[in-house]
Amino acid sequence: MTRIFHNPRCSKSRQTLALLEEKGIDAEIVEYLKAPPSEDELRQVLQALGIPPRELLRKKEAEYKEAGLDDTSLDDEAVIRAMVQYPKLIERPIVVHSGKAAIGRPPENVLDLF
């Protein structure tokens, strides 16, 4: 099963979804702004990506500073909680397939999963 954490307003997310469709890859589309991942789900995605939570943050969003995430002393759990509370902070798109994941920046990055 393949899933894409997708934001239809994001050009990279749309390009990544189009690339998957072009390659004949059927993916479950998760519009994470409408249905944010749980903390556990986000931990699983981070594990599949092999990165710490802070690397998945969109640092230029207003919510980044509002949530105090520029404080580097915050632990991973605080960062995960903030991403669940403010899903706009989650880098996008993320494609998950067979226990692995990739961020579609550029969109072709996700092809390494297949």
PDB file of N, CA and C in Angstrom:
ATOM      1  N   MET A   1       0.838  -1.188   0.000  1.00  0.00           N
ATOM      2  CA  MET A   1       0.000   0.000   0.000  1.00  0.00           C
ATOM      3  C   MET A   1       0.882   1.251   0.000  1.00  0.00           C
ATOM      4  N   THR A   2       0.486   2.201  -0.794  1.00  0.00           N
ATOM      5  CA  THR A   2       1.210   3.463  -0.911  1.00  0.00           C
ATOM      6  C   THR A   2       0.292   4.586  -0.444  1.00  0.00           C
ATOM      7  N   ARG A   3       0.863   5.486   0.344  1.00  0.00           N
ATOM      8  CA  ARG A   3       0.107   6.661   0.805  1.00  0.00           C
ATOM      9  C   ARG A   3       0.908   7.910   0.503  1.00  0.00           C
ATOM     10  N   ILE A   4       0.177   8.968   0.199  1.00  0.00           N
ATOM     11  CA  ILE A   4       0.811  10.270   0.009  1.00  0.00           C
ATOM     12  C   ILE A   4       0.137  11.267   0.947  1.00  0.00           C
ATOM     13  N   PHE A   5       0.963  11.911   1.762  1.00  0.00           N
ATOM     14  CA  PHE A   5       0.487  13.010   2.598  1.00  0.00           C
ATOM     15  C   PHE A   5       0.531  14.231   1.696  1.00  0.00           C
ATOM     16  N   HIS A   6      -0.650  14.692   1.325  1.00  0.00           N
ATOM     17  CA  HIS A   6      -0.828  15.600   0.200  1.00  0.00           C
ATOM     18  C   HIS A   6      -1.503  16.894   0.615  1.00  0.00           C
ATOM     19  N   ASN A   7      -1.043  17.989   0.019  1.00  0.00           N
ATOM     20  CA  ASN A   7      -1.703  19.284   0.141  1.00  0.00           C
ATOM     21  C   ASN A   7      -2.001  19.730  -1.283  1.00  0.00           C
ATOM     22  N   PRO A   8      -3.275  19.701  -1.694  1.00  0.00           N
ATOM     23  CA  PRO A   8      -3.610  20.040  -3.076  1.00  0.00           C
ATOM     24  C   PRO A   8      -3.254  21.468  -3.488  1.00  0.00           C
ATOM     25  N   ARG A   9      -2.983  22.335  -2.525  1.00  0.00           N
ATOM     26  CA  ARG A   9      -2.613  23.720  -2.848  1.00  0.00           C
ATOM     27  C   ARG A   9      -1.110  23.866  -3.114  1.00  0.00           C
ATOM     28  N   CYS A  10      -0.343  22.815  -2.852  1.00  0.00           N
ATOM     29  CA  CYS A  10       1.115  22.857  -3.005  1.00  0.00           C
ATOM     30  C   CYS A  10       1.508  22.297  -4.372  1.00  0.00           C
ATOM     31  N   SER A  11       2.282  23.059  -5.133  1.00  0.00           N
ATOM     32  CA  SER A  11       2.665  22.616  -6.477  1.00  0.00           C
ATOM     33  C   SER A  11       3.521  21.348  -6.428  1.00  0.00           C
ATOM     34  N   LYS A  12       4.457  21.249  -5.484  1.00  0.00           N
ATOM     35  CA  LYS A  12       5.299  20.045  -5.387  1.00  0.00           C
ATOM     36  C   LYS A  12       4.457  18.819  -5.029  1.00  0.00           C
ATOM     37  N   SER A  13       3.458  19.022  -4.201  1.00  0.00           N
ATOM     38  CA  SER A  13       2.574  17.929  -3.827  1.00  0.00           C
ATOM     39  C   SER A  13       1.760  17.477  -5.037  1.00  0.00           C
ATOM     40  N   ARG A  14       1.230  18.425  -5.789  1.00  0.00           N
ATOM     41  CA  ARG A  14       0.470  18.084  -7.005  1.00  0.00           C
ATOM     42  C   ARG A  14       1.362  17.390  -8.023  1.00  0.00           C
ATOM     43  N   GLN A  15       2.596  17.867  -8.187  1.00  0.00           N
ATOM     44  CA  GLN A  15       3.529  17.259  -9.135  1.00  0.00           C
ATOM     45  C   GLN A  15       3.878  15.835  -8.720  1.00  0.00           C
ATOM     46  N   THR A  16       4.060  15.616  -7.424  1.00  0.00           N
ATOM     47  CA  THR A  16       4.398  14.280  -6.927  1.00  0.00           C
ATOM     48  C   THR A  16       3.238  13.323  -7.144  1.00  0.00           C
ATOM     49  N   LEU A  17       2.027  13.763  -6.857  1.00  0.00           N
ATOM     50  CA  LEU A  17       0.851  12.930  -7.078  1.00  0.00           C
ATOM     51  C   LEU A  17       0.709  12.598  -8.567  1.00  0.00           C
ATOM     52  N   ALA A  18       0.913  13.581  -9.428  1.00  0.00           N
ATOM     53  CA  ALA A  18       0.836  13.355 -10.874  1.00  0.00           C
ATOM     54  C   ALA A  18       1.896  12.349 -11.322  1.00  0.00           C
ATOM     55  N   LEU A  19       3.088  12.435 -10.758  1.00  0.00           N
ATOM     56  CA  LEU A  19       4.165  11.511 -11.100  1.00  0.00           C
ATOM     57  C   LEU A  19       3.789  10.086 -10.710  1.00  0.00           C
ATOM     58  N   LEU A  20       3.226   9.917  -9.520  1.00  0.00           N
ATOM     59  CA  LEU A  20       2.788   8.581  -9.090  1.00  0.00           C
ATOM     60  C   LEU A  20       1.733   8.042 -10.048  1.00  0.00           C
ATOM     61  N   GLU A  21       0.762   8.881 -10.402  1.00  0.00           N
ATOM     62  CA  GLU A  21      -0.294   8.458 -11.323  1.00  0.00           C
ATOM     63  C   GLU A  21       0.279   8.101 -12.683  1.00  0.00           C
ATOM     64  N   GLU A  22       1.233   8.906 -13.165  1.00  0.00           N
ATOM     65  CA  GLU A  22       1.877   8.663 -14.452  1.00  0.00           C
ATOM     66  C   GLU A  22       2.598   7.310 -14.465  1.00  0.00           C
ATOM     67  N   LYS A  23       3.159   6.934 -13.336  1.00  0.00           N
ATOM     68  CA  LYS A  23       3.885   5.659 -13.217  1.00  0.00           C
ATOM     69  C   LYS A  23       2.942   4.493 -12.898  1.00  0.00           C
ATOM     70  N   GLY A  24       1.638   4.769 -12.821  1.00  0.00           N
ATOM     71  CA  GLY A  24       0.670   3.713 -12.556  1.00  0.00           C
ATOM     72  C   GLY A  24       0.638   3.269 -11.104  1.00  0.00           C
ATOM     73  N   ILE A  25       1.105   4.116 -10.202  1.00  0.00           N
ATOM     74  CA  ILE A  25       1.140   3.791  -8.776  1.00  0.00           C
ATOM     75  C   ILE A  25      -0.137   4.322  -8.126  1.00  0.00           C
ATOM     76  N   ASP A  26      -0.931   3.411  -7.611  1.00  0.00           N
ATOM     77  CA  ASP A  26      -2.180   3.775  -6.944  1.00  0.00           C
ATOM     78  C   ASP A  26      -1.854   4.113  -5.497  1.00  0.00           C
ATOM     79  N   ALA A  27      -2.126   5.333  -5.107  1.00  0.00           N
ATOM     80  CA  ALA A  27      -1.796   5.774  -3.752  1.00  0.00           C
ATOM     81  C   ALA A  27      -3.038   6.266  -3.024  1.00  0.00           C
ATOM     82  N   GLU A  28      -3.096   5.953  -1.746  1.00  0.00           N
ATOM     83  CA  GLU A  28      -4.128   6.522  -0.877  1.00  0.00           C
ATOM     84  C   GLU A  28      -3.716   7.967  -0.615  1.00  0.00           C
ATOM     85  N   ILE A  29      -4.620   8.884  -0.874  1.00  0.00           N
ATOM     86  CA  ILE A  29      -4.328  10.306  -0.687  1.00  0.00           C
ATOM     87  C   ILE A  29      -4.808  10.730   0.693  1.00  0.00           C
ATOM     88  N   VAL A  30      -3.865  11.246   1.477  1.00  0.00           N
ATOM     89  CA  VAL A  30      -4.176  11.735   2.819  1.00  0.00           C
ATOM     90  C   VAL A  30      -3.998  13.249   2.798  1.00  0.00           C
ATOM     91  N   GLU A  31      -5.106  13.975   2.826  1.00  0.00           N
ATOM     92  CA  GLU A  31      -5.025  15.434   2.884  1.00  0.00           C
ATOM     93  C   GLU A  31      -4.789  15.806   4.346  1.00  0.00           C
ATOM     94  N   TYR A  32      -3.524  15.869   4.711  1.00  0.00           N
ATOM     95  CA  TYR A  32      -3.138  15.972   6.117  1.00  0.00           C
ATOM     96  C   TYR A  32      -3.548  17.287   6.782  1.00  0.00           C
ATOM     97  N   LEU A  33      -3.880  18.304   6.002  1.00  0.00           N
ATOM     98  CA  LEU A  33      -4.365  19.539   6.615  1.00  0.00           C
ATOM     99  C   LEU A  33      -5.807  19.370   7.093  1.00  0.00           C
ATOM    100  N   LYS A  34      -6.560  18.521   6.407  1.00  0.00           N
ATOM    101  CA  LYS A  34      -7.944  18.241   6.805  1.00  0.00           C
ATOM    102  C   LYS A  34      -8.005  17.133   7.856  1.00  0.00           C
ATOM    103  N   ALA A  35      -7.097  16.171   7.749  1.00  0.00           N
ATOM    104  CA  ALA A  35      -7.066  15.024   8.670  1.00  0.00           C
ATOM    105  C   ALA A  35      -5.626  14.838   9.139  1.00  0.00           C
ATOM    106  N   PRO A  36      -5.174  15.654  10.114  1.00  0.00           N
ATOM    107  CA  PRO A  36      -3.791  15.577  10.568  1.00  0.00           C
ATOM    108  C   PRO A  36      -3.437  14.192  11.119  1.00  0.00           C
ATOM    109  N   PRO A  37      -2.183  13.778  10.933  1.00  0.00           N
ATOM    110  CA  PRO A  37      -1.765  12.499  11.503  1.00  0.00           C
ATOM    111  C   PRO A  37      -1.732  12.582  13.031  1.00  0.00           C
ATOM    112  N   SER A  38      -1.902  11.439  13.665  1.00  0.00           N
ATOM    113  CA  SER A  38      -1.753  11.381  15.123  1.00  0.00           C
ATOM    114  C   SER A  38      -0.264  11.430  15.449  1.00  0.00           C
ATOM    115  N   GLU A  39       0.045  11.580  16.722  1.00  0.00           N
ATOM    116  CA  GLU A  39       1.453  11.573  17.135  1.00  0.00           C
ATOM    117  C   GLU A  39       2.099  10.241  16.762  1.00  0.00           C
ATOM    118  N   ASP A  40       1.398   9.131  17.005  1.00  0.00           N
ATOM    119  CA  ASP A  40       1.957   7.814  16.668  1.00  0.00           C
ATOM    120  C   ASP A  40       2.185   7.668  15.167  1.00  0.00           C
ATOM    121  N   GLU A  41       1.218   8.116  14.384  1.00  0.00           N
ATOM    122  CA  GLU A  41       1.348   8.032  12.929  1.00  0.00           C
ATOM    123  C   GLU A  41       2.538   8.864  12.452  1.00  0.00           C
ATOM    124  N   LEU A  42       2.696  10.037  13.030  1.00  0.00           N
ATOM    125  CA  LEU A  42       3.809  10.905  12.652  1.00  0.00           C
ATOM    126  C   LEU A  42       5.143  10.274  13.052  1.00  0.00           C
ATOM    127  N   ARG A  43       5.196   9.634  14.208  1.00  0.00           N
ATOM    128  CA  ARG A  43       6.427   8.921  14.610  1.00  0.00           C
ATOM    129  C   ARG A  43       6.767   7.823  13.604  1.00  0.00           C
ATOM    130  N   GLN A  44       5.754   7.101  13.129  1.00  0.00           N
ATOM    131  CA  GLN A  44       5.986   6.037  12.140  1.00  0.00           C
ATOM    132  C   GLN A  44       6.525   6.613  10.839  1.00  0.00           C
ATOM    133  N   VAL A  45       5.965   7.735  10.414  1.00  0.00           N
ATOM    134  CA  VAL A  45       6.436   8.390   9.184  1.00  0.00           C
ATOM    135  C   VAL A  45       7.884   8.848   9.360  1.00  0.00           C
ATOM    136  N   LEU A  46       8.188   9.439  10.503  1.00  0.00           N
ATOM    137  CA  LEU A  46       9.563   9.892  10.763  1.00  0.00           C
ATOM    138  C   LEU A  46      10.532   8.719  10.773  1.00  0.00           C
ATOM    139  N   GLN A  47      10.117   7.609  11.361  1.00  0.00           N
ATOM    140  CA  GLN A  47      10.970   6.419  11.374  1.00  0.00           C
ATOM    141  C   GLN A  47      11.201   5.914   9.946  1.00  0.00           C
ATOM    142  N   ALA A  48      10.133   5.910   9.132  1.00  0.00           N
ATOM    143  CA  ALA A  48      10.257   5.464   7.745  1.00  0.00           C
ATOM    144  C   ALA A  48      11.151   6.406   6.943  1.00  0.00           C
ATOM    145  N   LEU A  49      11.106   7.695   7.261  1.00  0.00           N
ATOM    146  CA  LEU A  49      11.970   8.674   6.591  1.00  0.00           C
ATOM    147  C   LEU A  49      13.411   8.580   7.088  1.00  0.00           C
ATOM    148  N   GLY A  50      13.576   8.138   8.339  1.00  0.00           N
ATOM    149  CA  GLY A  50      14.910   8.058   8.927  1.00  0.00           C
ATOM    150  C   GLY A  50      15.481   9.419   9.295  1.00  0.00           C
ATOM    151  N   ILE A  51      14.593  10.339   9.684  1.00  0.00           N
ATOM    152  CA  ILE A  51      15.049  11.681  10.053  1.00  0.00           C
ATOM    153  C   ILE A  51      14.456  12.072  11.407  1.00  0.00           C
ATOM    154  N   PRO A  52      15.115  13.005  12.114  1.00  0.00           N
ATOM    155  CA  PRO A  52      14.535  13.514  13.356  1.00  0.00           C
ATOM    156  C   PRO A  52      13.380  14.472  13.041  1.00  0.00           C
ATOM    157  N   PRO A  53      12.463  14.655  13.979  1.00  0.00           N
ATOM    158  CA  PRO A  53      11.287  15.496  13.745  1.00  0.00           C
ATOM    159  C   PRO A  53      11.610  16.904  13.245  1.00  0.00           C
ATOM    160  N   ARG A  54      12.638  17.512  13.778  1.00  0.00           N
ATOM    161  CA  ARG A  54      12.950  18.894  13.402  1.00  0.00           C
ATOM    162  C   ARG A  54      13.232  19.030  11.899  1.00  0.00           C
ATOM    163  N   GLU A  55      13.746  17.953  11.273  1.00  0.00           N
ATOM    164  CA  GLU A  55      14.049  18.008   9.833  1.00  0.00           C
ATOM    165  C   GLU A  55      12.798  17.972   8.967  1.00  0.00           C
ATOM    166  N   LEU A  56      11.646  17.662   9.557  1.00  0.00           N
ATOM    167  CA  LEU A  56      10.394  17.602   8.808  1.00  0.00           C
ATOM    168  C   LEU A  56       9.608  18.909   8.919  1.00  0.00           C
ATOM    169  N   LEU A  57      10.146  19.868   9.650  1.00  0.00           N
ATOM    170  CA  LEU A  57       9.448  21.143   9.870  1.00  0.00           C
ATOM    171  C   LEU A  57       9.633  22.116   8.712  1.00  0.00           C
ATOM    172  N   ARG A  58       8.552  22.808   8.411  1.00  0.00           N
ATOM    173  CA  ARG A  58       8.601  23.932   7.466  1.00  0.00           C
ATOM    174  C   ARG A  58       8.869  25.178   8.309  1.00  0.00           C
ATOM    175  N   LYS A  59      10.092  25.621   8.302  1.00  0.00           N
ATOM    176  CA  LYS A  59      10.543  26.678   9.206  1.00  0.00           C
ATOM    177  C   LYS A  59      10.108  28.084   8.794  1.00  0.00           C
ATOM    178  N   LYS A  60       9.625  28.244   7.582  1.00  0.00           N
ATOM    179  CA  LYS A  60       9.233  29.581   7.119  1.00  0.00           C
ATOM    180  C   LYS A  60       7.762  29.895   7.378  1.00  0.00           C
ATOM    181  N   GLU A  61       7.009  28.928   7.908  1.00  0.00           N
ATOM    182  CA  GLU A  61       5.603  29.164   8.219  1.00  0.00           C
ATOM    183  C   GLU A  61       5.489  30.011   9.493  1.00  0.00           C
ATOM    184  N   ALA A  62       4.476  30.865   9.546  1.00  0.00           N
ATOM    185  CA  ALA A  62       4.270  31.727  10.719  1.00  0.00           C
ATOM    186  C   ALA A  62       4.103  30.897  11.986  1.00  0.00           C
ATOM    187  N   GLU A  63       3.462  29.735  11.868  1.00  0.00           N
ATOM    188  CA  GLU A  63       3.215  28.878  13.023  1.00  0.00           C
ATOM    189  C   GLU A  63       4.518  28.366  13.652  1.00  0.00           C
ATOM    190  N   TYR A  64       5.576  28.326  12.890  1.00  0.00           N
ATOM    191  CA  TYR A  64       6.869  27.871  13.402  1.00  0.00           C
ATOM    192  C   TYR A  64       7.306  28.754  14.575  1.00  0.00           C
ATOM    193  N   LYS A  65       7.278  30.058  14.358  1.00  0.00           N
ATOM    194  CA  LYS A  65       7.666  30.984  15.432  1.00  0.00           C
ATOM    195  C   LYS A  65       6.586  31.077  16.498  1.00  0.00           C
ATOM    196  N   GLU A  66       5.317  31.079  16.063  1.00  0.00           N
ATOM    197  CA  GLU A  66       4.206  31.164  17.014  1.00  0.00           C
ATOM    198  C   GLU A  66       4.249  30.022  18.027  1.00  0.00           C
ATOM    199  N   ALA A  67       4.634  28.836  17.557  1.00  0.00           N
ATOM    200  CA  ALA A  67       4.687  27.658  18.430  1.00  0.00           C
ATOM    201  C   ALA A  67       5.998  27.583  19.209  1.00  0.00           C
ATOM    202  N   GLY A  68       6.897  28.548  18.983  1.00  0.00           N
ATOM    203  CA  GLY A  68       8.170  28.560  19.703  1.00  0.00           C
ATOM    204  C   GLY A  68       9.138  27.495  19.238  1.00  0.00           C
ATOM    205  N   LEU A  69       8.972  27.027  17.998  1.00  0.00           N
ATOM    206  CA  LEU A  69       9.812  25.936  17.502  1.00  0.00           C
ATOM    207  C   LEU A  69      11.214  26.375  17.107  1.00  0.00           C
ATOM    208  N   ASP A  70      11.460  27.674  17.127  1.00  0.00           N
ATOM    209  CA  ASP A  70      12.821  28.148  16.886  1.00  0.00           C
ATOM    210  C   ASP A  70      13.695  27.936  18.123  1.00  0.00           C
ATOM    211  N   ASP A  71      13.084  27.473  19.218  1.00  0.00           N
ATOM    212  CA  ASP A  71      13.810  27.106  20.440  1.00  0.00           C
ATOM    213  C   ASP A  71      14.378  25.704  20.242  1.00  0.00           C
ATOM    214  N   THR A  72      15.665  25.624  19.953  1.00  0.00           N
ATOM    215  CA  THR A  72      16.294  24.339  19.639  1.00  0.00           C
ATOM    216  C   THR A  72      16.429  23.423  20.850  1.00  0.00           C
ATOM    217  N   SER A  73      16.087  23.920  22.043  1.00  0.00           N
ATOM    218  CA  SER A  73      16.157  23.052  23.219  1.00  0.00           C
ATOM    219  C   SER A  73      14.906  22.172  23.354  1.00  0.00           C
ATOM    220  N   LEU A  74      13.885  22.426  22.525  1.00  0.00           N
ATOM    221  CA  LEU A  74      12.683  21.591  22.569  1.00  0.00           C
ATOM    222  C   LEU A  74      13.033  20.163  22.163  1.00  0.00           C
ATOM    223  N   ASP A  75      12.480  19.194  22.892  1.00  0.00           N
ATOM    224  CA  ASP A  75      12.778  17.802  22.551  1.00  0.00           C
ATOM    225  C   ASP A  75      11.905  17.337  21.380  1.00  0.00           C
ATOM    226  N   ASP A  76      12.217  16.142  20.875  1.00  0.00           N
ATOM    227  CA  ASP A  76      11.515  15.595  19.716  1.00  0.00           C
ATOM    228  C   ASP A  76      10.015  15.481  19.953  1.00  0.00           C
ATOM    229  N   GLU A  77       9.623  15.090  21.151  1.00  0.00           N
ATOM    230  CA  GLU A  77       8.199  14.921  21.444  1.00  0.00           C
ATOM    231  C   GLU A  77       7.453  16.258  21.348  1.00  0.00           C
ATOM    232  N   ALA A  78       8.072  17.331  21.790  1.00  0.00           N
ATOM    233  CA  ALA A  78       7.449  18.658  21.693  1.00  0.00           C
ATOM    234  C   ALA A  78       7.291  19.066  20.229  1.00  0.00           C
ATOM    235  N   VAL A  79       8.275  18.737  19.418  1.00  0.00           N
ATOM    236  CA  VAL A  79       8.213  19.063  17.987  1.00  0.00           C
ATOM    237  C   VAL A  79       7.102  18.248  17.321  1.00  0.00           C
ATOM    238  N   ILE A  80       6.999  16.975  17.659  1.00  0.00           N
ATOM    239  CA  ILE A  80       5.941  16.126  17.096  1.00  0.00           C
ATOM    240  C   ILE A  80       4.563  16.656  17.498  1.00  0.00           C
ATOM    241  N   ARG A  81       4.399  17.003  18.768  1.00  0.00           N
ATOM    242  CA  ARG A  81       3.111  17.545  19.226  1.00  0.00           C
ATOM    243  C   ARG A  81       2.750  18.820  18.454  1.00  0.00           C
ATOM    244  N   ALA A  82       3.741  19.659  18.197  1.00  0.00           N
ATOM    245  CA  ALA A  82       3.495  20.901  17.459  1.00  0.00           C
ATOM    246  C   ALA A  82       3.064  20.606  16.018  1.00  0.00           C
ATOM    247  N   MET A  83       3.671  19.610  15.395  1.00  0.00           N
ATOM    248  CA  MET A  83       3.293  19.269  14.018  1.00  0.00           C
ATOM    249  C   MET A  83       1.873  18.707  13.958  1.00  0.00           C
ATOM    250  N   VAL A  84       1.474  17.981  14.990  1.00  0.00           N
ATOM    251  CA  VAL A  84       0.104  17.465  15.039  1.00  0.00           C
ATOM    252  C   VAL A  84      -0.869  18.628  15.240  1.00  0.00           C
ATOM    253  N   GLN A  85      -0.508  19.553  16.109  1.00  0.00           N
ATOM    254  CA  GLN A  85      -1.365  20.713  16.377  1.00  0.00           C
ATOM    255  C   GLN A  85      -1.415  21.668  15.186  1.00  0.00           C
ATOM    256  N   TYR A  86      -0.279  21.831  14.508  1.00  0.00           N
ATOM    257  CA  TYR A  86      -0.163  22.727  13.359  1.00  0.00           C
ATOM    258  C   TYR A  86       0.333  21.927  12.153  1.00  0.00           C
ATOM    259  N   PRO A  87      -0.530  21.143  11.507  1.00  0.00           N
ATOM    260  CA  PRO A  87      -0.070  20.275  10.414  1.00  0.00           C
ATOM    261  C   PRO A  87       0.539  21.033   9.235  1.00  0.00           C
ATOM    262  N   LYS A  88       0.252  22.319   9.139  1.00  0.00           N
ATOM    263  CA  LYS A  88       0.849  23.137   8.071  1.00  0.00           C
ATOM    264  C   LYS A  88       2.379  23.138   8.182  1.00  0.00           C
ATOM    265  N   LEU A  89       2.895  22.833   9.366  1.00  0.00           N
ATOM    266  CA  LEU A  89       4.343  22.820   9.595  1.00  0.00           C
ATOM    267  C   LEU A  89       5.033  21.576   9.030  1.00  0.00           C
ATOM    268  N   ILE A  90       4.255  20.562   8.641  1.00  0.00           N
ATOM    269  CA  ILE A  90       4.826  19.308   8.141  1.00  0.00           C
ATOM    270  C   ILE A  90       5.255  19.501   6.692  1.00  0.00           C
ATOM    271  N   GLU A  91       6.514  19.185   6.409  1.00  0.00           N
ATOM    272  CA  GLU A  91       7.024  19.264   5.039  1.00  0.00           C
ATOM    273  C   GLU A  91       6.202  18.353   4.153  1.00  0.00           C
ATOM    274  N   ARG A  92       6.016  18.741   2.936  1.00  0.00           N
ATOM    275  CA  ARG A  92       5.186  17.982   2.014  1.00  0.00           C
ATOM    276  C   ARG A  92       5.795  17.926   0.636  1.00  0.00           C
ATOM    277  N   PRO A  93       5.354  17.005  -0.146  1.00  0.00           N
ATOM    278  CA  PRO A  93       4.540  15.834   0.149  1.00  0.00           C
ATOM    279  C   PRO A  93       5.411  14.704   0.695  1.00  0.00           C
ATOM    280  N   ILE A  94       4.796  13.795   1.402  1.00  0.00           N
ATOM    281  CA  ILE A  94       5.496  12.607   1.899  1.00  0.00           C
ATOM    282  C   ILE A  94       4.803  11.397   1.295  1.00  0.00           C
ATOM    283  N   VAL A  95       5.591  10.518   0.695  1.00  0.00           N
ATOM    284  CA  VAL A  95       5.058   9.270   0.159  1.00  0.00           C
ATOM    285  C   VAL A  95       5.606   8.138   1.011  1.00  0.00           C
ATOM    286  N   VAL A  96       4.703   7.252   1.447  1.00  0.00           N
ATOM    287  CA  VAL A  96       5.070   6.100   2.273  1.00  0.00           C
ATOM    288  C   VAL A  96       4.722   4.843   1.493  1.00  0.00           C
ATOM    289  N   HIS A  97       5.689   3.923   1.423  1.00  0.00           N
ATOM    290  CA  HIS A  97       5.484   2.672   0.688  1.00  0.00           C
ATOM    291  C   HIS A  97       6.353   1.575   1.306  1.00  0.00           C
ATOM    292  N   SER A  98       5.733   0.472   1.668  1.00  0.00           N
ATOM    293  CA  SER A  98       6.444  -0.711   2.184  1.00  0.00           C
ATOM    294  C   SER A  98       7.404  -0.387   3.328  1.00  0.00           C
ATOM    295  N   GLY A  99       6.935   0.424   4.277  1.00  0.00           N
ATOM    296  CA  GLY A  99       7.737   0.731   5.456  1.00  0.00           C
ATOM    297  C   GLY A  99       8.824   1.760   5.250  1.00  0.00           C
ATOM    298  N   LYS A 100       8.908   2.318   4.048  1.00  0.00           N
ATOM    299  CA  LYS A 100       9.874   3.376   3.755  1.00  0.00           C
ATOM    300  C   LYS A 100       9.107   4.624   3.342  1.00  0.00           C
ATOM    301  N   ALA A 101       9.769   5.753   3.391  1.00  0.00           N
ATOM    302  CA  ALA A 101       9.116   7.005   3.013  1.00  0.00           C
ATOM    303  C   ALA A 101      10.129   7.939   2.365  1.00  0.00           C
ATOM    304  N   ALA A 102       9.606   8.893   1.599  1.00  0.00           N
ATOM    305  CA  ALA A 102      10.440   9.907   0.958  1.00  0.00           C
ATOM    306  C   ALA A 102       9.635  11.196   0.848  1.00  0.00           C
ATOM    307  N   ILE A 103      10.347  12.296   0.913  1.00  0.00           N
ATOM    308  CA  ILE A 103       9.738  13.615   0.721  1.00  0.00           C
ATOM    309  C   ILE A 103       9.891  13.972  -0.754  1.00  0.00           C
ATOM    310  N   GLY A 104       8.810  14.392  -1.363  1.00  0.00           N
ATOM    311  CA  GLY A 104       8.810  14.711  -2.794  1.00  0.00           C
ATOM    312  C   GLY A 104       9.335  16.080  -3.121  1.00  0.00           C
ATOM    313  N   ARG A 105      10.536  16.356  -2.710  1.00  0.00           N
ATOM    314  CA  ARG A 105      11.220  17.616  -3.030  1.00  0.00           C
ATOM    315  C   ARG A 105      12.636  17.288  -3.479  1.00  0.00           C
ATOM    316  N   PRO A 106      12.854  17.125  -4.759  1.00  0.00           N
ATOM    317  CA  PRO A 106      11.928  17.217  -5.872  1.00  0.00           C
ATOM    318  C   PRO A 106      11.032  15.971  -5.964  1.00  0.00           C
ATOM    319  N   PRO A 107       9.959  16.054  -6.735  1.00  0.00           N
ATOM    320  CA  PRO A 107       9.025  14.935  -6.813  1.00  0.00           C
ATOM    321  C   PRO A 107       9.667  13.589  -7.164  1.00  0.00           C
ATOM    322  N   GLU A 108      10.701  13.602  -7.969  1.00  0.00           N
ATOM    323  CA  GLU A 108      11.361  12.365  -8.385  1.00  0.00           C
ATOM    324  C   GLU A 108      11.986  11.596  -7.224  1.00  0.00           C
ATOM    325  N   ASN A 109      12.205  12.250  -6.085  1.00  0.00           N
ATOM    326  CA  ASN A 109      12.754  11.566  -4.914  1.00  0.00           C
ATOM    327  C   ASN A 109      11.931  10.357  -4.530  1.00  0.00           C
ATOM    328  N   VAL A 110      10.617  10.419  -4.711  1.00  0.00           N
ATOM    329  CA  VAL A 110       9.753   9.342  -4.249  1.00  0.00           C
ATOM    330  C   VAL A 110       9.901   8.077  -5.087  1.00  0.00           C
ATOM    331  N   LEU A 111      10.427   8.191  -6.283  1.00  0.00           N
ATOM    332  CA  LEU A 111      10.555   7.017  -7.154  1.00  0.00           C
ATOM    333  C   LEU A 111      11.533   5.990  -6.600  1.00  0.00           C
ATOM    334  N   ASP A 112      12.436   6.410  -5.733  1.00  0.00           N
ATOM    335  CA  ASP A 112      13.388   5.482  -5.109  1.00  0.00           C
ATOM    336  C   ASP A 112      12.683   4.466  -4.208  1.00  0.00           C
ATOM    337  N   LEU A 113      11.431   4.724  -3.850  1.00  0.00           N
ATOM    338  CA  LEU A 113      10.678   3.807  -2.995  1.00  0.00           C
ATOM    339  C   LEU A 113      10.174   2.589  -3.763  1.00  0.00           C
ATOM    340  N   PHE A 114      10.161   2.680  -5.091  1.00  0.00           N
ATOM    341  CA  PHE A 114       9.554   1.629  -5.903  1.00  0.00           C
ATOM    342  C   PHE A 114      10.572   0.852  -6.721  1.00  0.00           C
TER     343      PHE A 114
END
